């Protein structure tokens, strides 16, 4: 698995998918004037935001969560973990942990949001536990990935070859 996720082609594919999905979120949020609940962990606030949605906004948020946000943690998690493994050598597995923890936390959060948006607001309590874990993991993994990208660029500019464990 590590050789596949650290392969340059895989990282490019995941990077472009990450960019595409992120742009997709922006477009949907703008078109439907959404206040997304992805970063809100307080159950009362989640319920209040969802209650303020028009039926069209609730539907748009549901479909955005299902179509864009369900694959999102797999894409960014794979991208971040792959960069950590590729760039940081023996420290890669340790530095990939935030990305790997974020994937299930985000998937649980997204599933919970689908239920909330479908009328099961009583499940908003779950977000108070999974959203902070997701956000902490995502922020940590993002910082690690930015450092990894900076090191990759520096190495490329310096003319050093970066080993690719995924190539034979």
N, C-alpha and C. Protein backbone atom coordinates (compact mmCIF):
# COMPACT_ATOMS: atom_id res chain seq x y z
N UNK A 1 0.82 -1.20 0.00
CA UNK A 1 0.00 0.00 0.00
C UNK A 1 0.86 1.26 0.00
N UNK A 2 1.93 1.25 0.79
CA UNK A 2 2.77 2.44 0.89
C UNK A 2 3.39 2.77 -0.46
N UNK A 3 3.83 1.77 -1.20
CA UNK A 3 4.45 2.06 -2.49
C UNK A 3 3.45 2.67 -3.46
N UNK A 4 2.19 2.26 -3.40
CA UNK A 4 1.18 2.82 -4.28
C UNK A 4 0.88 4.27 -3.91
N UNK A 5 0.71 4.54 -2.63
CA UNK A 5 0.30 5.88 -2.17
C UNK A 5 1.44 6.89 -2.30
N UNK A 6 2.68 6.44 -2.36
CA UNK A 6 3.80 7.37 -2.49
C UNK A 6 4.25 7.55 -3.94
N UNK A 7 3.65 6.81 -4.83
CA UNK A 7 3.98 6.92 -6.25
C UNK A 7 3.63 8.32 -6.75
N UNK A 8 4.50 8.90 -7.55
CA UNK A 8 4.30 10.27 -8.04
C UNK A 8 2.97 10.40 -8.79
N UNK A 9 2.64 9.44 -9.62
CA UNK A 9 1.37 9.52 -10.38
C UNK A 9 0.16 9.51 -9.46
N UNK A 10 0.22 8.66 -8.44
CA UNK A 10 -0.87 8.60 -7.47
C UNK A 10 -1.01 9.93 -6.75
N UNK A 11 0.11 10.49 -6.32
CA UNK A 11 0.06 11.77 -5.62
C UNK A 11 -0.48 12.88 -6.52
N UNK A 12 -0.08 12.90 -7.79
CA UNK A 12 -0.62 13.89 -8.72
C UNK A 12 -2.13 13.71 -8.88
N UNK A 13 -2.57 12.47 -9.05
CA UNK A 13 -4.00 12.17 -9.20
C UNK A 13 -4.78 12.62 -7.97
N UNK A 14 -4.28 12.25 -6.79
CA UNK A 14 -4.94 12.66 -5.55
C UNK A 14 -4.92 14.18 -5.37
N UNK A 15 -3.80 14.80 -5.74
CA UNK A 15 -3.70 16.26 -5.63
C UNK A 15 -4.71 16.97 -6.52
N UNK A 16 -4.85 16.49 -7.77
CA UNK A 16 -5.83 17.10 -8.67
C UNK A 16 -7.26 16.82 -8.21
N UNK A 17 -7.53 15.61 -7.70
CA UNK A 17 -8.86 15.29 -7.18
C UNK A 17 -9.19 16.17 -5.98
N UNK A 18 -8.21 16.39 -5.12
CA UNK A 18 -8.36 17.26 -3.95
C UNK A 18 -8.73 18.67 -4.40
N UNK A 19 -8.00 19.18 -5.38
CA UNK A 19 -8.28 20.51 -5.92
C UNK A 19 -9.68 20.58 -6.53
N UNK A 20 -10.03 19.58 -7.34
CA UNK A 20 -11.33 19.53 -8.00
C UNK A 20 -12.47 19.52 -6.97
N UNK A 21 -12.36 18.66 -5.96
CA UNK A 21 -13.41 18.59 -4.94
C UNK A 21 -13.50 19.89 -4.14
N UNK A 22 -12.36 20.49 -3.81
CA UNK A 22 -12.36 21.75 -3.06
C UNK A 22 -13.05 22.85 -3.86
N UNK A 23 -12.76 22.93 -5.15
CA UNK A 23 -13.43 23.92 -6.01
C UNK A 23 -14.92 23.62 -6.09
N UNK A 24 -15.27 22.33 -6.16
CA UNK A 24 -16.68 21.93 -6.18
C UNK A 24 -17.43 22.42 -4.95
N UNK A 25 -16.81 22.31 -3.77
CA UNK A 25 -17.43 22.83 -2.55
C UNK A 25 -17.70 24.32 -2.68
N UNK A 26 -16.70 25.05 -3.13
CA UNK A 26 -16.86 26.50 -3.27
C UNK A 26 -18.00 26.87 -4.20
N UNK A 27 -18.11 26.16 -5.30
CA UNK A 27 -19.18 26.44 -6.27
C UNK A 27 -20.55 26.18 -5.66
N UNK A 28 -20.72 25.02 -5.02
CA UNK A 28 -22.02 24.67 -4.43
C UNK A 28 -22.37 25.65 -3.31
N UNK A 29 -21.40 25.98 -2.48
CA UNK A 29 -21.64 26.92 -1.38
C UNK A 29 -22.09 28.28 -1.91
N UNK A 30 -21.44 28.75 -2.97
CA UNK A 30 -21.82 30.04 -3.56
C UNK A 30 -23.20 29.99 -4.22
N UNK A 31 -23.45 28.97 -5.00
CA UNK A 31 -24.72 28.87 -5.73
C UNK A 31 -25.91 28.81 -4.78
N UNK A 32 -25.77 28.03 -3.70
CA UNK A 32 -26.90 27.83 -2.80
C UNK A 32 -26.83 28.67 -1.52
N UNK A 33 -25.82 29.55 -1.43
CA UNK A 33 -25.65 30.42 -0.28
C UNK A 33 -25.70 29.61 1.02
N UNK A 34 -24.84 28.60 1.08
CA UNK A 34 -24.85 27.67 2.21
C UNK A 34 -23.94 28.12 3.34
N UNK A 35 -24.40 27.89 4.54
CA UNK A 35 -23.57 27.95 5.73
C UNK A 35 -23.36 26.48 6.10
N UNK A 36 -22.22 25.94 5.72
CA UNK A 36 -22.00 24.51 5.91
C UNK A 36 -21.77 24.18 7.38
N UNK A 37 -22.13 22.96 7.75
CA UNK A 37 -22.03 22.55 9.15
C UNK A 37 -20.81 21.69 9.42
N UNK A 38 -19.93 21.57 8.44
CA UNK A 38 -18.77 20.68 8.56
C UNK A 38 -17.80 21.07 9.67
N UNK A 39 -17.70 22.31 10.01
CA UNK A 39 -16.74 22.74 11.03
C UNK A 39 -17.42 23.14 12.33
N UNK A 40 -18.70 22.84 12.44
CA UNK A 40 -19.45 23.20 13.64
C UNK A 40 -19.62 21.94 14.49
N UNK A 41 -19.17 22.01 15.74
CA UNK A 41 -19.27 20.84 16.61
C UNK A 41 -20.34 20.96 17.68
N UNK A 42 -20.76 22.17 17.99
CA UNK A 42 -21.78 22.38 19.01
C UNK A 42 -23.13 21.90 18.48
N UNK A 43 -23.73 20.90 19.13
CA UNK A 43 -24.99 20.32 18.63
C UNK A 43 -26.13 21.34 18.49
N UNK A 44 -26.25 22.26 19.45
CA UNK A 44 -27.32 23.26 19.37
C UNK A 44 -27.10 24.19 18.18
N UNK A 45 -25.86 24.55 17.94
CA UNK A 45 -25.54 25.42 16.79
C UNK A 45 -25.80 24.68 15.48
N UNK A 46 -25.45 23.40 15.42
CA UNK A 46 -25.71 22.60 14.22
C UNK A 46 -27.20 22.59 13.93
N UNK A 47 -28.00 22.28 14.97
CA UNK A 47 -29.46 22.24 14.79
C UNK A 47 -30.00 23.60 14.35
N UNK A 48 -29.48 24.68 14.92
CA UNK A 48 -29.95 26.03 14.56
C UNK A 48 -29.61 26.35 13.10
N UNK A 49 -28.42 26.00 12.67
CA UNK A 49 -28.02 26.27 11.28
C UNK A 49 -28.91 25.48 10.33
N UNK A 50 -29.11 24.21 10.62
CA UNK A 50 -29.94 23.37 9.75
C UNK A 50 -31.38 23.88 9.74
N UNK A 51 -31.88 24.32 10.89
CA UNK A 51 -33.24 24.85 10.96
C UNK A 51 -33.39 26.12 10.13
N UNK A 52 -32.30 26.85 9.95
CA UNK A 52 -32.36 28.10 9.17
C UNK A 52 -32.33 27.86 7.66
N UNK A 53 -32.01 26.64 7.25
CA UNK A 53 -31.93 26.33 5.82
C UNK A 53 -33.32 26.30 5.18
N UNK A 54 -33.37 26.77 3.96
CA UNK A 54 -34.56 26.54 3.14
C UNK A 54 -34.53 25.07 2.73
N UNK A 55 -35.66 24.52 2.27
CA UNK A 55 -35.64 23.13 1.79
C UNK A 55 -34.60 22.92 0.68
N UNK A 56 -34.43 23.91 -0.18
CA UNK A 56 -33.46 23.81 -1.27
C UNK A 56 -32.02 23.78 -0.72
N UNK A 57 -31.74 24.59 0.29
CA UNK A 57 -30.41 24.60 0.89
C UNK A 57 -30.12 23.29 1.62
N UNK A 58 -31.11 22.78 2.30
CA UNK A 58 -30.94 21.51 3.01
C UNK A 58 -30.63 20.39 2.01
N UNK A 59 -31.38 20.37 0.92
CA UNK A 59 -31.17 19.37 -0.14
C UNK A 59 -29.78 19.54 -0.77
N UNK A 60 -29.39 20.78 -1.05
CA UNK A 60 -28.08 21.05 -1.65
C UNK A 60 -26.95 20.60 -0.72
N UNK A 61 -27.09 20.90 0.58
CA UNK A 61 -26.06 20.50 1.53
C UNK A 61 -25.99 18.97 1.62
N UNK A 62 -27.15 18.32 1.61
CA UNK A 62 -27.19 16.85 1.65
C UNK A 62 -26.43 16.27 0.46
N UNK A 63 -26.76 16.73 -0.75
CA UNK A 63 -26.12 16.17 -1.95
C UNK A 63 -24.65 16.54 -2.04
N UNK A 64 -24.29 17.73 -1.58
CA UNK A 64 -22.88 18.11 -1.56
C UNK A 64 -22.11 17.20 -0.61
N UNK A 65 -22.71 16.91 0.55
CA UNK A 65 -22.06 16.02 1.51
C UNK A 65 -21.92 14.62 0.92
N UNK A 66 -22.96 14.13 0.28
CA UNK A 66 -22.93 12.78 -0.27
C UNK A 66 -21.96 12.66 -1.45
N UNK A 67 -22.01 13.60 -2.38
CA UNK A 67 -21.24 13.46 -3.62
C UNK A 67 -19.81 14.00 -3.49
N UNK A 68 -19.63 15.13 -2.82
CA UNK A 68 -18.30 15.72 -2.72
C UNK A 68 -17.59 15.38 -1.41
N UNK A 69 -18.32 15.44 -0.31
CA UNK A 69 -17.67 15.33 0.99
C UNK A 69 -17.39 13.89 1.42
N UNK A 70 -18.12 12.92 0.91
CA UNK A 70 -17.82 11.54 1.29
C UNK A 70 -16.49 11.06 0.70
N UNK A 71 -16.18 11.36 -0.57
CA UNK A 71 -14.86 10.94 -1.06
C UNK A 71 -13.72 11.86 -0.59
N UNK A 72 -14.05 13.06 -0.14
CA UNK A 72 -13.04 14.06 0.21
C UNK A 72 -12.00 13.55 1.22
N UNK A 73 -12.39 12.94 2.35
CA UNK A 73 -11.36 12.48 3.29
C UNK A 73 -10.47 11.38 2.72
N UNK A 74 -11.01 10.57 1.84
CA UNK A 74 -10.19 9.53 1.21
C UNK A 74 -9.15 10.16 0.30
N UNK A 75 -9.56 11.23 -0.39
CA UNK A 75 -8.66 11.91 -1.32
C UNK A 75 -7.60 12.71 -0.57
N UNK A 76 -8.03 13.62 0.31
CA UNK A 76 -7.01 14.43 1.00
C UNK A 76 -6.22 13.58 1.98
N UNK A 77 -6.86 12.60 2.62
CA UNK A 77 -6.14 11.73 3.54
C UNK A 77 -5.06 10.92 2.83
N UNK A 78 -5.40 10.39 1.66
CA UNK A 78 -4.41 9.66 0.88
C UNK A 78 -3.29 10.55 0.40
N UNK A 79 -3.66 11.74 -0.04
CA UNK A 79 -2.67 12.71 -0.52
C UNK A 79 -1.71 13.11 0.60
N UNK A 80 -2.27 13.47 1.74
CA UNK A 80 -1.44 13.89 2.87
C UNK A 80 -0.57 12.74 3.39
N UNK A 81 -1.15 11.57 3.55
CA UNK A 81 -0.39 10.42 4.05
C UNK A 81 0.69 10.02 3.05
N UNK A 82 0.36 10.04 1.76
CA UNK A 82 1.34 9.71 0.73
C UNK A 82 2.51 10.66 0.71
N UNK A 83 2.23 11.96 0.86
CA UNK A 83 3.32 12.94 0.92
C UNK A 83 4.21 12.70 2.14
N UNK A 84 3.59 12.45 3.28
CA UNK A 84 4.37 12.21 4.49
C UNK A 84 5.28 11.00 4.31
N UNK A 85 4.73 9.91 3.79
CA UNK A 85 5.53 8.71 3.57
C UNK A 85 6.64 8.95 2.55
N UNK A 86 6.34 9.65 1.50
CA UNK A 86 7.30 9.86 0.42
C UNK A 86 8.46 10.76 0.83
N UNK A 87 8.15 11.82 1.56
CA UNK A 87 9.15 12.85 1.83
C UNK A 87 9.94 12.61 3.12
N UNK A 88 9.31 12.07 4.14
CA UNK A 88 9.95 12.04 5.45
C UNK A 88 10.59 10.70 5.82
N UNK A 89 10.70 9.79 4.87
CA UNK A 89 11.44 8.55 5.10
C UNK A 89 10.94 7.76 6.28
N UNK A 90 11.86 7.44 7.20
CA UNK A 90 11.48 6.60 8.35
C UNK A 90 10.47 7.29 9.27
N UNK A 91 10.39 8.61 9.22
CA UNK A 91 9.41 9.35 10.02
C UNK A 91 8.05 9.44 9.32
N UNK A 92 8.01 9.04 8.06
CA UNK A 92 6.78 9.11 7.27
C UNK A 92 5.58 8.44 7.90
N UNK A 93 5.72 7.18 8.36
CA UNK A 93 4.55 6.53 8.97
C UNK A 93 4.01 7.27 10.19
N UNK A 94 4.89 7.80 11.01
CA UNK A 94 4.46 8.57 12.18
C UNK A 94 3.77 9.87 11.75
N UNK A 95 4.35 10.55 10.77
CA UNK A 95 3.78 11.83 10.32
C UNK A 95 2.52 11.64 9.47
N UNK A 96 2.23 10.43 9.05
CA UNK A 96 1.00 10.15 8.31
C UNK A 96 -0.18 9.90 9.24
N UNK A 97 0.08 9.69 10.52
CA UNK A 97 -1.00 9.37 11.47
C UNK A 97 -2.12 10.41 11.50
N UNK A 98 -1.82 11.73 11.56
CA UNK A 98 -2.94 12.68 11.56
C UNK A 98 -3.86 12.53 10.34
N UNK A 99 -3.29 12.31 9.18
CA UNK A 99 -4.11 12.12 7.98
C UNK A 99 -4.95 10.86 8.09
N UNK A 100 -4.35 9.80 8.61
CA UNK A 100 -5.06 8.53 8.71
C UNK A 100 -6.15 8.54 9.78
N UNK A 101 -5.96 9.31 10.84
CA UNK A 101 -6.98 9.46 11.87
C UNK A 101 -8.14 10.31 11.35
N UNK A 102 -7.81 11.28 10.53
CA UNK A 102 -8.82 12.19 10.00
C UNK A 102 -9.80 11.49 9.07
N UNK A 103 -9.35 10.51 8.32
CA UNK A 103 -10.23 9.83 7.35
C UNK A 103 -11.47 9.25 8.03
N UNK A 104 -11.33 8.35 9.01
CA UNK A 104 -12.57 7.82 9.61
C UNK A 104 -13.37 8.87 10.38
N UNK A 105 -12.68 9.82 11.02
CA UNK A 105 -13.41 10.87 11.74
C UNK A 105 -14.27 11.67 10.78
N UNK A 106 -13.73 12.03 9.63
CA UNK A 106 -14.48 12.81 8.65
C UNK A 106 -15.62 11.98 8.04
N UNK A 107 -15.38 10.71 7.81
CA UNK A 107 -16.44 9.85 7.26
C UNK A 107 -17.59 9.68 8.26
N UNK A 108 -17.26 9.55 9.54
CA UNK A 108 -18.30 9.47 10.57
C UNK A 108 -19.07 10.79 10.63
N UNK A 109 -18.33 11.90 10.59
CA UNK A 109 -18.98 13.21 10.61
C UNK A 109 -19.90 13.38 9.40
N UNK A 110 -19.43 13.01 8.23
CA UNK A 110 -20.25 13.16 7.01
C UNK A 110 -21.50 12.30 7.08
N UNK A 111 -21.37 11.08 7.57
CA UNK A 111 -22.53 10.20 7.70
C UNK A 111 -23.53 10.79 8.67
N UNK A 112 -23.03 11.32 9.78
CA UNK A 112 -23.89 11.97 10.77
C UNK A 112 -24.62 13.16 10.14
N UNK A 113 -23.88 13.96 9.37
CA UNK A 113 -24.49 15.12 8.72
C UNK A 113 -25.58 14.71 7.74
N UNK A 114 -25.38 13.63 7.02
CA UNK A 114 -26.42 13.16 6.11
C UNK A 114 -27.70 12.84 6.88
N UNK A 115 -27.54 12.18 8.02
CA UNK A 115 -28.72 11.88 8.84
C UNK A 115 -29.36 13.17 9.37
N UNK A 116 -28.54 14.11 9.84
CA UNK A 116 -29.06 15.39 10.35
C UNK A 116 -29.82 16.12 9.25
N UNK A 117 -29.23 16.20 8.08
CA UNK A 117 -29.86 16.92 6.97
C UNK A 117 -31.11 16.20 6.45
N UNK A 118 -31.22 14.91 6.75
CA UNK A 118 -32.41 14.14 6.35
C UNK A 118 -33.50 14.19 7.43
N UNK A 119 -33.28 15.01 8.47
CA UNK A 119 -34.32 15.20 9.47
C UNK A 119 -34.06 14.56 10.81
N UNK A 120 -32.90 13.99 11.02
CA UNK A 120 -32.57 13.35 12.29
C UNK A 120 -31.63 14.24 13.11
N UNK A 121 -32.10 15.45 13.41
CA UNK A 121 -31.29 16.44 14.11
C UNK A 121 -30.83 15.98 15.48
N UNK A 122 -31.54 15.00 16.07
CA UNK A 122 -31.18 14.50 17.39
C UNK A 122 -29.79 13.84 17.39
N UNK A 123 -29.25 13.54 16.22
CA UNK A 123 -27.91 12.93 16.12
C UNK A 123 -26.78 13.97 16.11
N UNK A 124 -27.14 15.24 16.23
CA UNK A 124 -26.13 16.31 16.20
C UNK A 124 -25.11 16.17 17.33
N UNK A 125 -25.45 15.48 18.40
CA UNK A 125 -24.52 15.28 19.52
C UNK A 125 -23.24 14.58 19.08
N UNK A 126 -23.31 13.76 18.05
CA UNK A 126 -22.14 13.02 17.58
C UNK A 126 -21.05 13.98 17.10
N UNK A 127 -21.47 15.08 16.49
CA UNK A 127 -20.52 16.04 15.94
C UNK A 127 -19.63 16.67 17.01
N UNK A 128 -20.12 16.76 18.24
CA UNK A 128 -19.29 17.37 19.29
C UNK A 128 -18.05 16.53 19.59
N UNK A 129 -18.06 15.27 19.19
CA UNK A 129 -16.91 14.39 19.41
C UNK A 129 -16.06 14.23 18.15
N UNK A 130 -16.71 14.00 17.01
CA UNK A 130 -15.92 13.70 15.80
C UNK A 130 -15.39 14.94 15.08
N UNK A 131 -16.12 16.04 15.13
CA UNK A 131 -15.66 17.23 14.41
C UNK A 131 -14.35 17.77 14.97
N UNK A 132 -14.17 17.89 16.29
CA UNK A 132 -12.86 18.35 16.79
C UNK A 132 -11.71 17.40 16.43
N UNK A 133 -11.97 16.09 16.44
CA UNK A 133 -10.93 15.13 16.05
C UNK A 133 -10.58 15.34 14.58
N UNK A 134 -11.60 15.48 13.75
CA UNK A 134 -11.38 15.70 12.33
C UNK A 134 -10.60 16.98 12.09
N UNK A 135 -11.01 18.06 12.72
CA UNK A 135 -10.34 19.35 12.51
C UNK A 135 -8.89 19.33 13.00
N UNK A 136 -8.65 18.74 14.15
CA UNK A 136 -7.27 18.67 14.67
C UNK A 136 -6.40 17.82 13.74
N UNK A 137 -6.93 16.70 13.29
CA UNK A 137 -6.17 15.85 12.37
C UNK A 137 -5.94 16.52 11.03
N UNK A 138 -6.98 17.18 10.52
CA UNK A 138 -6.87 17.84 9.23
C UNK A 138 -5.85 18.97 9.26
N UNK A 139 -5.91 19.79 10.30
CA UNK A 139 -4.96 20.91 10.41
C UNK A 139 -3.53 20.38 10.55
N UNK A 140 -3.34 19.40 11.41
CA UNK A 140 -2.01 18.82 11.58
C UNK A 140 -1.49 18.21 10.28
N UNK A 141 -2.34 17.42 9.62
CA UNK A 141 -1.95 16.78 8.37
C UNK A 141 -1.67 17.81 7.28
N UNK A 142 -2.43 18.90 7.27
CA UNK A 142 -2.23 19.96 6.28
C UNK A 142 -0.86 20.63 6.47
N UNK A 143 -0.51 20.90 7.71
CA UNK A 143 0.79 21.52 8.00
C UNK A 143 1.92 20.57 7.57
N UNK A 144 1.79 19.30 7.91
CA UNK A 144 2.80 18.31 7.51
C UNK A 144 2.91 18.25 5.99
N UNK A 145 1.76 18.27 5.31
CA UNK A 145 1.76 18.21 3.84
C UNK A 145 2.39 19.46 3.23
N UNK A 146 2.12 20.62 3.80
CA UNK A 146 2.73 21.85 3.29
C UNK A 146 4.25 21.82 3.44
N UNK A 147 4.72 21.32 4.57
CA UNK A 147 6.17 21.18 4.78
C UNK A 147 6.73 20.18 3.78
N UNK A 148 6.03 19.07 3.58
CA UNK A 148 6.48 18.06 2.61
C UNK A 148 6.55 18.65 1.20
N UNK A 149 5.53 19.40 0.81
CA UNK A 149 5.53 20.03 -0.53
C UNK A 149 6.68 21.02 -0.66
N UNK A 150 6.93 21.81 0.39
CA UNK A 150 8.05 22.76 0.36
C UNK A 150 9.38 22.03 0.21
N UNK A 151 9.53 20.92 0.93
CA UNK A 151 10.76 20.14 0.81
C UNK A 151 10.90 19.52 -0.58
N UNK A 152 9.81 19.03 -1.14
CA UNK A 152 9.84 18.48 -2.50
C UNK A 152 10.28 19.55 -3.50
N UNK A 153 9.70 20.73 -3.38
CA UNK A 153 10.05 21.82 -4.29
C UNK A 153 11.52 22.21 -4.11
N UNK A 154 11.94 22.33 -2.86
CA UNK A 154 13.34 22.67 -2.59
C UNK A 154 14.30 21.64 -3.17
N UNK A 155 13.97 20.39 -3.01
CA UNK A 155 14.82 19.32 -3.55
C UNK A 155 14.84 19.35 -5.08
N UNK A 156 13.71 19.62 -5.67
CA UNK A 156 13.64 19.69 -7.14
C UNK A 156 14.46 20.87 -7.66
N UNK A 157 14.31 22.00 -6.99
CA UNK A 157 15.05 23.19 -7.39
C UNK A 157 16.55 22.96 -7.21
N UNK A 158 16.91 22.28 -6.14
CA UNK A 158 18.31 21.99 -5.87
C UNK A 158 18.85 20.91 -6.81
N UNK A 159 17.97 20.28 -7.55
CA UNK A 159 18.40 19.28 -8.52
C UNK A 159 18.61 17.89 -7.97
N UNK A 160 18.19 17.68 -6.75
CA UNK A 160 18.32 16.35 -6.16
C UNK A 160 17.18 15.46 -6.63
N UNK A 161 17.49 14.22 -6.83
CA UNK A 161 16.49 13.23 -7.22
C UNK A 161 15.79 12.75 -5.95
N UNK A 162 14.48 12.64 -5.99
CA UNK A 162 13.71 12.14 -4.85
C UNK A 162 13.37 10.69 -5.15
N UNK A 163 13.69 9.83 -4.21
CA UNK A 163 13.39 8.42 -4.44
C UNK A 163 11.89 8.21 -4.48
N UNK A 164 11.47 7.28 -5.30
CA UNK A 164 10.07 6.94 -5.42
C UNK A 164 9.93 5.46 -5.14
N UNK A 165 9.54 5.12 -3.88
CA UNK A 165 9.43 3.71 -3.53
C UNK A 165 8.39 2.97 -4.36
N UNK A 166 7.52 3.69 -5.04
CA UNK A 166 6.47 3.06 -5.84
C UNK A 166 6.93 2.62 -7.20
N UNK A 167 8.09 3.04 -7.62
CA UNK A 167 8.60 2.67 -8.95
C UNK A 167 9.52 1.47 -8.84
N UNK A 168 9.49 0.66 -9.88
CA UNK A 168 10.39 -0.50 -9.91
C UNK A 168 11.33 -0.40 -11.07
